[in-house]
Amino acid sequence: MKIGIIGLGLMGGSLGITLKTHFPDYEFIGLDHNQTHCTQALELGLVDTIADSMESIKKCDVIILSIPVDGIIAVLQTLTDVSPHCTIIDLGSTKAKIVASVPLVIRQNFVAAHPMTGTEKFGPTAAFGELYQNKVTVLCDFEKSGEHQQKVTLKLFKTIGMKLVFMGATEHDRHAAFISHMPHALSYAIANAVMTQEDPRSIIALAGGGFRDMSRIAKSSPSMWEDIFRQNKTNLLIAIDHFNIELQKCQKMVEDEEWDALNSWMDDANKLHDVLK
């Protein structure tokens, strides 16, 4: 079995590590537009070899697309001549536009997946083998993938210890906007608000765990998240509107010194972590 991984950063590199551990007899071939990433991926053992062209990747039994979501759409257009038995899995954080872009001739080859995992770090040196363990992967419109492709995908993801959730691509994008995409927008906003108002020395001196936690994901790749925000624009704007409503509630209660109401509002927020247990 040959597995090709396009994109050798955190997600693709970590998947390479863990798949190599569980499937030592498989051959792993990498491809990345960044030659430094290719060199690092080989040195770190994320893949066995680096492909010299896309044609080499097309000969793989499984092709994993771990690149920014706009790039996934572009690459899919070049894969129309893969074998009927090839399984193409994308790991993008948006799903509806990607699914809609898949050429009909390879629709059965294609599996839309979103592993709900990651860190604020990126590049091959950020990869680690436990990234996917016990994490959720959302499989979208799975019934439209071929029977062979379904079996291959389930085998790979279950073997590395992922929990599988199935839903439609449109439904996924709405949920992801609230649970993943909007929090990233807020983290960027928090970081920029503090940077425009505070001297760096004050930030270093006073930043505690809470600020570091809330601003951590603002370290995520701007290029990657620009693409995600663009593809899921409508849902993201709805999520931001709902956040603004809650923030305005907080602002008004503080302005009007409605401390009991504010306490109750914060108590309602505490209940989120009853859900997340």
C-alpha atoms as a PDB file:
ATOM      1  CA  MET A   1       0.000   0.000   0.000  1.00  0.00           C
ATOM      2  CA  LYS A   2       1.371   3.394  -1.002  1.00  0.00           C
ATOM      3  CA  ILE A   3       0.096   6.480   0.816  1.00  0.00           C
ATOM      4  CA  GLY A   4       0.810   9.915  -0.614  1.00  0.00           C
ATOM      5  CA  ILE A   5       0.620  12.932   1.665  1.00  0.00           C
ATOM      6  CA  ILE A   6       0.372  16.362   0.037  1.00  0.00           C
ATOM      7  CA  GLY A   7       1.262  18.965   2.651  1.00  0.00           C
ATOM      8  CA  LEU A   8       3.874  18.005   5.237  1.00  0.00           C
ATOM      9  CA  GLY A   9       3.033  20.418   8.049  1.00  0.00           C
ATOM     10  CA  LEU A  10       1.436  19.765  11.418  1.00  0.00           C
ATOM     11  CA  MET A  11      -1.584  17.816  10.150  1.00  0.00           C
ATOM     12  CA  GLY A  12      -0.010  15.888   7.281  1.00  0.00           C
ATOM     13  CA  GLY A  13       3.242  15.267   9.111  1.00  0.00           C
ATOM     14  CA  SER A  14       1.530  14.049  12.278  1.00  0.00           C
ATOM     15  CA  LEU A  15      -0.675  11.738  10.255  1.00  0.00           C
ATOM     16  CA  GLY A  16       2.416  10.366   8.523  1.00  0.00           C
ATOM     17  CA  ILE A  17       4.073   9.592  11.869  1.00  0.00           C
ATOM     18  CA  THR A  18       1.104   7.790  13.361  1.00  0.00           C
ATOM     19  CA  LEU A  19       0.202   5.866  10.191  1.00  0.00           C
ATOM     20  CA  LYS A  20       3.807   4.692   9.838  1.00  0.00           C
ATOM     21  CA  THR A  21       3.659   3.401  13.408  1.00  0.00           C
ATOM     22  CA  HIS A  22       0.487   1.402  12.809  1.00  0.00           C
ATOM     23  CA  PHE A  23       1.216   0.337   9.232  1.00  0.00           C
ATOM     24  CA  PRO A  24       4.985  -0.310   9.074  1.00  0.00           C
ATOM     25  CA  ASP A  25       4.686  -2.225   5.802  1.00  0.00           C
ATOM     26  CA  TYR A  26       3.104   0.689   3.942  1.00  0.00           C
ATOM     27  CA  GLU A  27       5.156   3.132   1.879  1.00  0.00           C
ATOM     28  CA  PHE A  28       4.698   6.830   2.608  1.00  0.00           C
ATOM     29  CA  ILE A  29       5.435   9.404  -0.085  1.00  0.00           C
ATOM     30  CA  GLY A  30       5.341  13.123   0.618  1.00  0.00           C
ATOM     31  CA  LEU A  31       4.911  16.230  -1.504  1.00  0.00           C
ATOM     32  CA  ASP A  32       5.113  19.872  -0.425  1.00  0.00           C
ATOM     33  CA  HIS A  33       5.711  23.062  -2.411  1.00  0.00           C
ATOM     34  CA  ASN A  34       8.163  24.161   0.297  1.00  0.00           C
ATOM     35  CA  GLN A  35      11.497  22.397  -0.254  1.00  0.00           C
ATOM     36  CA  THR A  36      12.573  23.088   3.324  1.00  0.00           C
ATOM     37  CA  HIS A  37       9.489  21.250   4.518  1.00  0.00           C
ATOM     38  CA  CYS A  38      10.387  18.310   2.284  1.00  0.00           C
ATOM     39  CA  THR A  39      13.893  18.128   3.726  1.00  0.00           C
ATOM     40  CA  GLN A  40      12.620  18.400   7.297  1.00  0.00           C
ATOM     41  CA  ALA A  41       9.921  15.769   6.708  1.00  0.00           C
ATOM     42  CA  LEU A  42      12.541  13.276   5.549  1.00  0.00           C
ATOM     43  CA  GLU A  43      14.894  14.080   8.412  1.00  0.00           C
ATOM     44  CA  LEU A  44      12.080  13.687  10.956  1.00  0.00           C
ATOM     45  CA  GLY A  45      10.808  10.458   9.396  1.00  0.00           C
ATOM     46  CA  LEU A  46       7.354  11.832   8.607  1.00  0.00           C
ATOM     47  CA  VAL A  47       7.474  10.106   5.205  1.00  0.00           C
ATOM     48  CA  ASP A  48       9.798   7.601   3.520  1.00  0.00           C
ATOM     49  CA  THR A  49      10.434   9.513   0.308  1.00  0.00           C
ATOM     50  CA  ILE A  50       9.573  12.788  -1.406  1.00  0.00           C
ATOM     51  CA  ALA A  51       7.714  12.622  -4.717  1.00  0.00           C
ATOM     52  CA  ASP A  52       9.427  14.248  -7.676  1.00  0.00           C
ATOM     53  CA  SER A  53       6.084  15.254  -9.200  1.00  0.00           C
ATOM     54  CA  MET A  54       2.327  15.062  -8.815  1.00  0.00           C
ATOM     55  CA  GLU A  55       2.370  12.132 -11.236  1.00  0.00           C
ATOM     56  CA  SER A  56       4.145  10.038  -8.605  1.00  0.00           C
ATOM     57  CA  ILE A  57       1.470  10.897  -6.042  1.00  0.00           C
ATOM     58  CA  LYS A  58      -1.293   9.919  -8.473  1.00  0.00           C
ATOM     59  CA  LYS A  59       0.023   6.341  -8.465  1.00  0.00           C
ATOM     60  CA  CYS A  60      -0.568   5.976  -4.722  1.00  0.00           C
ATOM     61  CA  ASP A  61      -3.375   3.858  -3.304  1.00  0.00           C
ATOM     62  CA  VAL A  62      -4.315   6.643  -0.883  1.00  0.00           C
ATOM     63  CA  ILE A  63      -3.798  10.381  -1.393  1.00  0.00           C
ATOM     64  CA  ILE A  64      -4.163  12.633   1.653  1.00  0.00           C
ATOM     65  CA  LEU A  65      -4.663  16.357   1.049  1.00  0.00           C
ATOM     66  CA  SER A  66      -3.351  18.273   4.055  1.00  0.00           C
ATOM     67  CA  ILE A  67      -2.994  21.756   2.610  1.00  0.00           C
ATOM     68  CA  PRO A  68      -4.987  25.024   2.889  1.00  0.00           C
ATOM     69  CA  VAL A  69      -8.591  24.642   1.790  1.00  0.00           C
ATOM     70  CA  ASP A  70      -8.243  26.720  -1.387  1.00  0.00           C
ATOM     71  CA  GLY A  71      -5.295  24.527  -2.337  1.00  0.00           C
ATOM     72  CA  ILE A  72      -7.373  21.386  -1.802  1.00  0.00           C
ATOM     73  CA  ILE A  73      -9.898  22.586  -4.372  1.00  0.00           C
ATOM     74  CA  ALA A  74      -7.132  23.363  -6.861  1.00  0.00           C
ATOM     75  CA  VAL A  75      -5.365  20.022  -6.424  1.00  0.00           C
ATOM     76  CA  LEU A  76      -8.592  18.035  -6.776  1.00  0.00           C
ATOM     77  CA  GLN A  77      -8.948  19.354 -10.326  1.00  0.00           C
ATOM     78  CA  THR A  78      -5.627  17.702 -11.234  1.00  0.00           C
ATOM     79  CA  LEU A  79      -6.528  14.242  -9.903  1.00  0.00           C
ATOM     80  CA  THR A  80      -9.153  13.265 -12.458  1.00  0.00           C
ATOM     81  CA  ASP A  81      -6.988  10.480 -13.909  1.00  0.00           C
ATOM     82  CA  VAL A  82      -6.296   8.491 -10.734  1.00  0.00           C
ATOM     83  CA  SER A  83      -7.143   4.787 -10.522  1.00  0.00           C
ATOM     84  CA  PRO A  84     -10.768   3.888  -9.662  1.00  0.00           C
ATOM     85  CA  HIS A  85      -9.363   2.166  -6.562  1.00  0.00           C
ATOM     86  CA  CYS A  86      -7.503   5.244  -5.328  1.00  0.00           C
ATOM     87  CA  THR A  87      -8.815   6.851  -2.131  1.00  0.00           C
ATOM     88  CA  ILE A  88      -8.493  10.646  -1.890  1.00  0.00           C
ATOM     89  CA  ILE A  89      -8.971  12.052   1.632  1.00  0.00           C
ATOM     90  CA  ASP A  90      -8.986  15.767   2.338  1.00  0.00           C
ATOM     91  CA  LEU A  91      -8.379  17.111   5.857  1.00  0.00           C
ATOM     92  CA  GLY A  92      -9.756  20.609   5.296  1.00  0.00           C
ATOM     93  CA  SER A  93     -11.499  22.611   8.020  1.00  0.00           C
ATOM     94  CA  THR A  94     -14.338  23.572   5.669  1.00  0.00           C
ATOM     95  CA  LYS A  95     -16.326  21.028   3.723  1.00  0.00           C
ATOM     96  CA  ALA A  96     -19.235  22.344   1.629  1.00  0.00           C
ATOM     97  CA  LYS A  97     -17.216  24.214  -1.024  1.00  0.00           C
ATOM     98  CA  ILE A  98     -14.619  21.460  -1.187  1.00  0.00           C
ATOM     99  CA  VAL A  99     -17.251  18.755  -1.685  1.00  0.00           C
ATOM    100  CA  ALA A 100     -18.999  20.842  -4.335  1.00  0.00           C
ATOM    101  CA  SER A 101     -15.711  21.272  -6.214  1.00  0.00           C
ATOM    102  CA  VAL A 102     -14.881  17.577  -6.575  1.00  0.00           C
ATOM    103  CA  PRO A 103     -14.872  16.572 -10.267  1.00  0.00           C
ATOM    104  CA  LEU A 104     -17.691  14.111 -10.881  1.00  0.00           C
ATOM    105  CA  VAL A 105     -15.344  11.542 -12.412  1.00  0.00           C
ATOM    106  CA  ILE A 106     -13.541  11.116  -9.056  1.00  0.00           C
ATOM    107  CA  ARG A 107     -16.464  11.674  -6.672  1.00  0.00           C
ATOM    108  CA  GLN A 108     -16.434   8.034  -5.580  1.00  0.00           C
ATOM    109  CA  ASN A 109     -12.693   8.247  -4.967  1.00  0.00           C
ATOM    110  CA  PHE A 110     -13.151  11.181  -2.618  1.00  0.00           C
ATOM    111  CA  VAL A 111     -13.677  11.232   1.155  1.00  0.00           C
ATOM    112  CA  ALA A 112     -14.329  14.533   2.938  1.00  0.00           C
ATOM    113  CA  ALA A 113     -12.793  14.455   6.419  1.00  0.00           C
ATOM    114  CA  HIS A 114     -12.165  17.047   9.119  1.00  0.00           C
ATOM    115  CA  PRO A 115     -10.047  15.876  12.055  1.00  0.00           C
ATOM    116  CA  MET A 116     -11.057  18.079  15.006  1.00  0.00           C
ATOM    117  CA  THR A 117      -7.538  18.461  16.285  1.00  0.00           C
ATOM    118  CA  GLY A 118      -4.521  20.677  15.856  1.00  0.00           C
ATOM    119  CA  THR A 119      -2.297  23.189  17.597  1.00  0.00           C
ATOM    120  CA  GLU A 120      -1.299  26.784  16.930  1.00  0.00           C
ATOM    121  CA  LYS A 121       2.030  25.566  15.536  1.00  0.00           C
ATOM    122  CA  PHE A 122       2.701  24.704  11.906  1.00  0.00           C
ATOM    123  CA  GLY A 123       5.340  23.134   9.670  1.00  0.00           C
ATOM    124  CA  PRO A 124       6.970  19.670   9.809  1.00  0.00           C
ATOM    125  CA  THR A 125       8.759  20.389  13.087  1.00  0.00           C
ATOM    126  CA  ALA A 126       5.351  20.850  14.772  1.00  0.00           C
ATOM    127  CA  ALA A 127       4.254  17.293  13.882  1.00  0.00           C
ATOM    128  CA  PHE A 128       3.859  14.676  16.605  1.00  0.00           C
ATOM    129  CA  GLY A 129       2.438  11.172  16.704  1.00  0.00           C
ATOM    130  CA  GLU A 130      -0.293  11.685  19.307  1.00  0.00           C
ATOM    131  CA  LEU A 131      -2.098  14.528  17.515  1.00  0.00           C
ATOM    132  CA  TYR A 132      -4.910  12.286  16.254  1.00  0.00           C
ATOM    133  CA  GLN A 133      -5.218   9.848  19.138  1.00  0.00           C
ATOM    134  CA  ASN A 134      -8.729   9.791  20.691  1.00  0.00           C
ATOM    135  CA  LYS A 135      -9.747  12.833  18.638  1.00  0.00           C
ATOM    136  CA  VAL A 136     -12.893  13.210  16.526  1.00  0.00           C
ATOM    137  CA  THR A 137     -12.839  13.091  12.747  1.00  0.00           C
ATOM    138  CA  VAL A 138     -15.974  14.302  10.979  1.00  0.00           C
ATOM    139  CA  LEU A 139     -16.721  12.408   7.765  1.00  0.00           C
ATOM    140  CA  CYS A 140     -19.040  14.414   5.508  1.00  0.00           C
ATOM    141  CA  ASP A 141     -21.451  13.065   2.881  1.00  0.00           C
ATOM    142  CA  PHE A 142     -19.751   9.713   3.435  1.00  0.00           C
ATOM    143  CA  GLU A 143     -22.459   7.818   1.562  1.00  0.00           C
ATOM    144  CA  LYS A 144     -21.315   9.486  -1.675  1.00  0.00           C
ATOM    145  CA  SER A 145     -17.858   7.931  -1.413  1.00  0.00           C
ATOM    146  CA  GLY A 146     -17.240   4.543  -3.031  1.00  0.00           C
ATOM    147  CA  GLU A 147     -17.575   1.382  -0.969  1.00  0.00           C
ATOM    148  CA  HIS A 148     -13.858   0.626  -1.315  1.00  0.00           C
ATOM    149  CA  GLN A 149     -12.930   4.190  -0.319  1.00  0.00           C
ATOM    150  CA  GLN A 150     -15.195   3.986   2.711  1.00  0.00           C
ATOM    151  CA  LYS A 151     -13.527   0.776   3.896  1.00  0.00           C
ATOM    152  CA  VAL A 152     -10.016   2.154   3.408  1.00  0.00           C
ATOM    153  CA  THR A 153     -10.830   5.373   5.279  1.00  0.00           C
ATOM    154  CA  LEU A 154     -12.499   3.594   8.190  1.00  0.00           C
ATOM    155  CA  LYS A 155      -9.551   1.214   8.523  1.00  0.00           C
ATOM    156  CA  LEU A 156      -6.989   4.024   8.605  1.00  0.00           C
ATOM    157  CA  PHE A 157      -8.832   6.295  11.025  1.00  0.00           C
ATOM    158  CA  LYS A 158     -10.053   3.575  13.378  1.00  0.00           C
ATOM    159  CA  THR A 159      -6.623   1.963  13.560  1.00  0.00           C
ATOM    160  CA  ILE A 160      -4.978   5.206  14.715  1.00  0.00           C
ATOM    161  CA  GLY A 161      -7.630   5.617  17.411  1.00  0.00           C
ATOM    162  CA  MET A 162      -9.913   8.302  16.042  1.00  0.00           C
ATOM    163  CA  LYS A 163     -13.569   8.726  16.964  1.00  0.00           C
ATOM    164  CA  LEU A 164     -15.784   9.034  13.885  1.00  0.00           C
ATOM    165  CA  VAL A 165     -18.758  11.353  13.449  1.00  0.00           C
ATOM    166  CA  PHE A 166     -20.869  11.478  10.280  1.00  0.00           C
ATOM    167  CA  MET A 167     -22.808  14.477   8.958  1.00  0.00           C
ATOM    168  CA  GLY A 168     -23.526  16.495   5.843  1.00  0.00           C
ATOM    169  CA  ALA A 169     -20.984  19.019   4.596  1.00  0.00           C
ATOM    170  CA  THR A 170     -23.360  21.981   4.967  1.00  0.00           C
ATOM    171  CA  GLU A 171     -24.239  20.985   8.530  1.00  0.00           C
ATOM    172  CA  HIS A 172     -20.545  20.553   9.330  1.00  0.00           C
ATOM    173  CA  ASP A 173     -19.676  24.064   8.166  1.00  0.00           C
ATOM    174  CA  ARG A 174     -22.301  25.661  10.402  1.00  0.00           C
ATOM    175  CA  HIS A 175     -21.098  23.739  13.463  1.00  0.00           C
ATOM    176  CA  ALA A 176     -17.432  24.413  12.639  1.00  0.00           C
ATOM    177  CA  ALA A 177     -18.119  28.152  12.348  1.00  0.00           C
ATOM    178  CA  PHE A 178     -19.313  28.304  15.966  1.00  0.00           C
ATOM    179  CA  ILE A 179     -16.982  25.755  17.550  1.00  0.00           C
ATOM    180  CA  SER A 180     -13.743  26.359  15.620  1.00  0.00           C
ATOM    181  CA  HIS A 181     -13.728  29.243  13.149  1.00  0.00           C
ATOM    182  CA  MET A 182     -15.334  31.967  15.277  1.00  0.00           C
ATOM    183  CA  PRO A 183     -13.034  31.240  18.267  1.00  0.00           C
ATOM    184  CA  HIS A 184     -10.036  31.716  15.967  1.00  0.00           C
ATOM    185  CA  ALA A 185     -11.423  35.067  14.809  1.00  0.00           C
ATOM    186  CA  LEU A 186     -11.885  36.105  18.438  1.00  0.00           C
ATOM    187  CA  SER A 187      -8.355  35.068  19.350  1.00  0.00           C
ATOM    188  CA  TYR A 188      -6.941  37.211  16.537  1.00  0.00           C
ATOM    189  CA  ALA A 189      -9.160  40.092  17.696  1.00  0.00           C
ATOM    190  CA  ILE A 190      -8.038  39.769  21.317  1.00  0.00           C
ATOM    191  CA  ALA A 191      -4.384  39.726  20.267  1.00  0.00           C
ATOM    192  CA  ASN A 192      -4.785  42.808  18.073  1.00  0.00           C
ATOM    193  CA  ALA A 193      -6.795  44.705  20.720  1.00  0.00           C
ATOM    194  CA  VAL A 194      -4.084  44.143  23.317  1.00  0.00           C
ATOM    195  CA  MET A 195      -1.222  44.898  20.912  1.00  0.00           C
ATOM    196  CA  THR A 196      -2.760  48.250  19.939  1.00  0.00           C
ATOM    197  CA  GLN A 197      -3.338  49.318  23.552  1.00  0.00           C
ATOM    198  CA  GLU A 198      -0.510  47.791  25.575  1.00  0.00           C
ATOM    199  CA  ASP A 199       3.243  48.233  25.611  1.00  0.00           C
ATOM    200  CA  PRO A 200       5.055  44.911  24.905  1.00  0.00           C
ATOM    201  CA  ARG A 201       6.843  45.192  28.259  1.00  0.00           C
ATOM    202  CA  SER A 202       3.508  45.380  30.075  1.00  0.00           C
ATOM    203  CA  ILE A 203       2.202  42.378  28.167  1.00  0.00           C
ATOM    204  CA  ILE A 204       5.263  40.339  29.159  1.00  0.00           C
ATOM    205  CA  ALA A 205       5.023  41.451  32.787  1.00  0.00           C
ATOM    206  CA  LEU A 206       1.300  40.966  33.302  1.00  0.00           C
ATOM    207  CA  ALA A 207       0.065  38.292  30.865  1.00  0.00           C
ATOM    208  CA  GLY A 208      -1.251  35.377  32.888  1.00  0.00           C
ATOM    209  CA  GLY A 209      -2.569  31.951  31.955  1.00  0.00           C
ATOM    210  CA  GLY A 210      -6.008  33.196  30.969  1.00  0.00           C
ATOM    211  CA  PHE A 211      -4.700  35.686  28.426  1.00  0.00           C
ATOM    212  CA  ARG A 212      -2.204  33.183  27.075  1.00  0.00           C
ATOM    213  CA  ASP A 213      -4.952  30.562  26.674  1.00  0.00           C
ATOM    214  CA  MET A 214      -7.304  32.932  24.864  1.00  0.00           C
ATOM    215  CA  SER A 215      -4.653  34.362  22.563  1.00  0.00           C
ATOM    216  CA  ARG A 216      -2.760  31.114  21.886  1.00  0.00           C
ATOM    217  CA  ILE A 217      -4.508  30.215  18.638  1.00  0.00           C
ATOM    218  CA  ALA A 218      -3.777  33.695  17.262  1.00  0.00           C
ATOM    219  CA  LYS A 219      -0.373  32.154  16.502  1.00  0.00           C
ATOM    220  CA  SER A 220      -2.051  29.968  13.845  1.00  0.00           C
ATOM    221  CA  SER A 221      -1.117  30.413  10.185  1.00  0.00           C
ATOM    222  CA  PRO A 222      -2.827  33.566   8.784  1.00  0.00           C
ATOM    223  CA  SER A 223      -2.698  32.169   5.236  1.00  0.00           C
ATOM    224  CA  MET A 224      -4.500  28.979   6.245  1.00  0.00           C
ATOM    225  CA  TRP A 225      -7.163  30.779   8.271  1.00  0.00           C
ATOM    226  CA  GLU A 226      -7.766  33.432   5.623  1.00  0.00           C
ATOM    227  CA  ASP A 227      -8.774  30.600   3.258  1.00  0.00           C
ATOM    228  CA  ILE A 228     -11.017  29.022   5.905  1.00  0.00           C
ATOM    229  CA  PHE A 229     -12.754  32.316   6.694  1.00  0.00           C
ATOM    230  CA  ARG A 230     -13.280  32.936   2.968  1.00  0.00           C
ATOM    231  CA  GLN A 231     -14.782  29.507   2.306  1.00  0.00           C
ATOM    232  CA  ASN A 232     -17.059  29.595   5.349  1.00  0.00           C
ATOM    233  CA  LYS A 233     -17.814  33.335   5.235  1.00  0.00           C
ATOM    234  CA  THR A 234     -21.607  33.170   5.663  1.00  0.00           C
ATOM    235  CA  ASN A 235     -21.536  30.832   8.653  1.00  0.00           C
ATOM    236  CA  LEU A 236     -18.627  32.689  10.243  1.00  0.00           C
ATOM    237  CA  LEU A 237     -20.462  36.018  10.051  1.00  0.00           C
ATOM    238  CA  ILE A 238     -23.533  34.450  11.695  1.00  0.00           C
ATOM    239  CA  ALA A 239     -21.348  33.074  14.487  1.00  0.00           C
ATOM    240  CA  ILE A 240     -19.628  36.440  15.009  1.00  0.00           C
ATOM    241  CA  ASP A 241     -23.050  38.153  15.145  1.00  0.00           C
ATOM    242  CA  HIS A 242     -24.152  35.785  17.927  1.00  0.00           C
ATOM    243  CA  PHE A 243     -20.915  36.434  19.809  1.00  0.00           C
ATOM    244  CA  ASN A 244     -21.414  40.186  19.472  1.00  0.00           C
ATOM    245  CA  ILE A 245     -24.911  39.864  20.935  1.00  0.00           C
ATOM    246  CA  GLU A 246     -23.498  38.135  24.008  1.00  0.00           C
ATOM    247  CA  LEU A 247     -20.625  40.612  24.356  1.00  0.00           C
ATOM    248  CA  GLN A 248     -23.068  43.529  24.122  1.00  0.00           C
ATOM    249  CA  LYS A 249     -25.175  41.927  26.869  1.00  0.00           C
ATOM    250  CA  CYS A 250     -22.075  41.814  29.056  1.00  0.00           C
ATOM    251  CA  GLN A 251     -21.173  45.415  28.222  1.00  0.00           C
ATOM    252  CA  LYS A 252     -24.670  46.695  29.053  1.00  0.00           C
ATOM    253  CA  MET A 253     -24.846  44.815  32.365  1.00  0.00           C
ATOM    254  CA  VAL A 254     -21.503  46.275  33.403  1.00  0.00           C
ATOM    255  CA  GLU A 255     -22.492  49.804  32.294  1.00  0.00           C
ATOM    256  CA  ASP A 256     -25.810  49.555  34.183  1.00  0.00           C
ATOM    257  CA  GLU A 257     -24.157  47.870  37.195  1.00  0.00           C
ATOM    258  CA  GLU A 258     -26.548  44.932  36.962  1.00  0.00           C
ATOM    259  CA  TRP A 259     -24.234  42.696  38.943  1.00  0.00           C
ATOM    260  CA  ASP A 260     -26.765  39.976  39.817  1.00  0.00           C
ATOM    261  CA  ALA A 261     -27.732  39.635  36.148  1.00  0.00           C
ATOM    262  CA  LEU A 262     -24.060  39.563  35.180  1.00  0.00           C
ATOM    263  CA  ASN A 263     -23.389  36.823  37.714  1.00  0.00           C
ATOM    264  CA  SER A 264     -26.290  34.774  36.333  1.00  0.00           C
ATOM    265  CA  TRP A 265     -25.050  35.290  32.761  1.00  0.00           C
ATOM    266  CA  MET A 266     -21.579  34.054  33.714  1.00  0.00           C
ATOM    267  CA  ASP A 267     -23.112  31.103  35.578  1.00  0.00           C
ATOM    268  CA  ASP A 268     -24.916  30.106  32.366  1.00  0.00           C
ATOM    269  CA  ALA A 269     -21.551  30.174  30.570  1.00  0.00           C
ATOM    270  CA  ASN A 270     -20.060  27.877  33.217  1.00  0.00           C
ATOM    271  CA  LYS A 271     -22.519  25.181  32.113  1.00  0.00           C
ATOM    272  CA  LEU A 272     -20.614  24.744  28.817  1.00  0.00           C
ATOM    273  CA  HIS A 273     -18.014  22.742  30.685  1.00  0.00           C
ATOM    274  CA  ASP A 274     -20.668  20.365  31.981  1.00  0.00           C
ATOM    275  CA  VAL A 275     -21.247  19.551  28.303  1.00  0.00           C
ATOM    276  CA  LEU A 276     -17.515  19.233  27.562  1.00  0.00           C
ATOM    277  CA  LYS A 277     -16.769  16.776  30.379  1.00  0.00           C
END
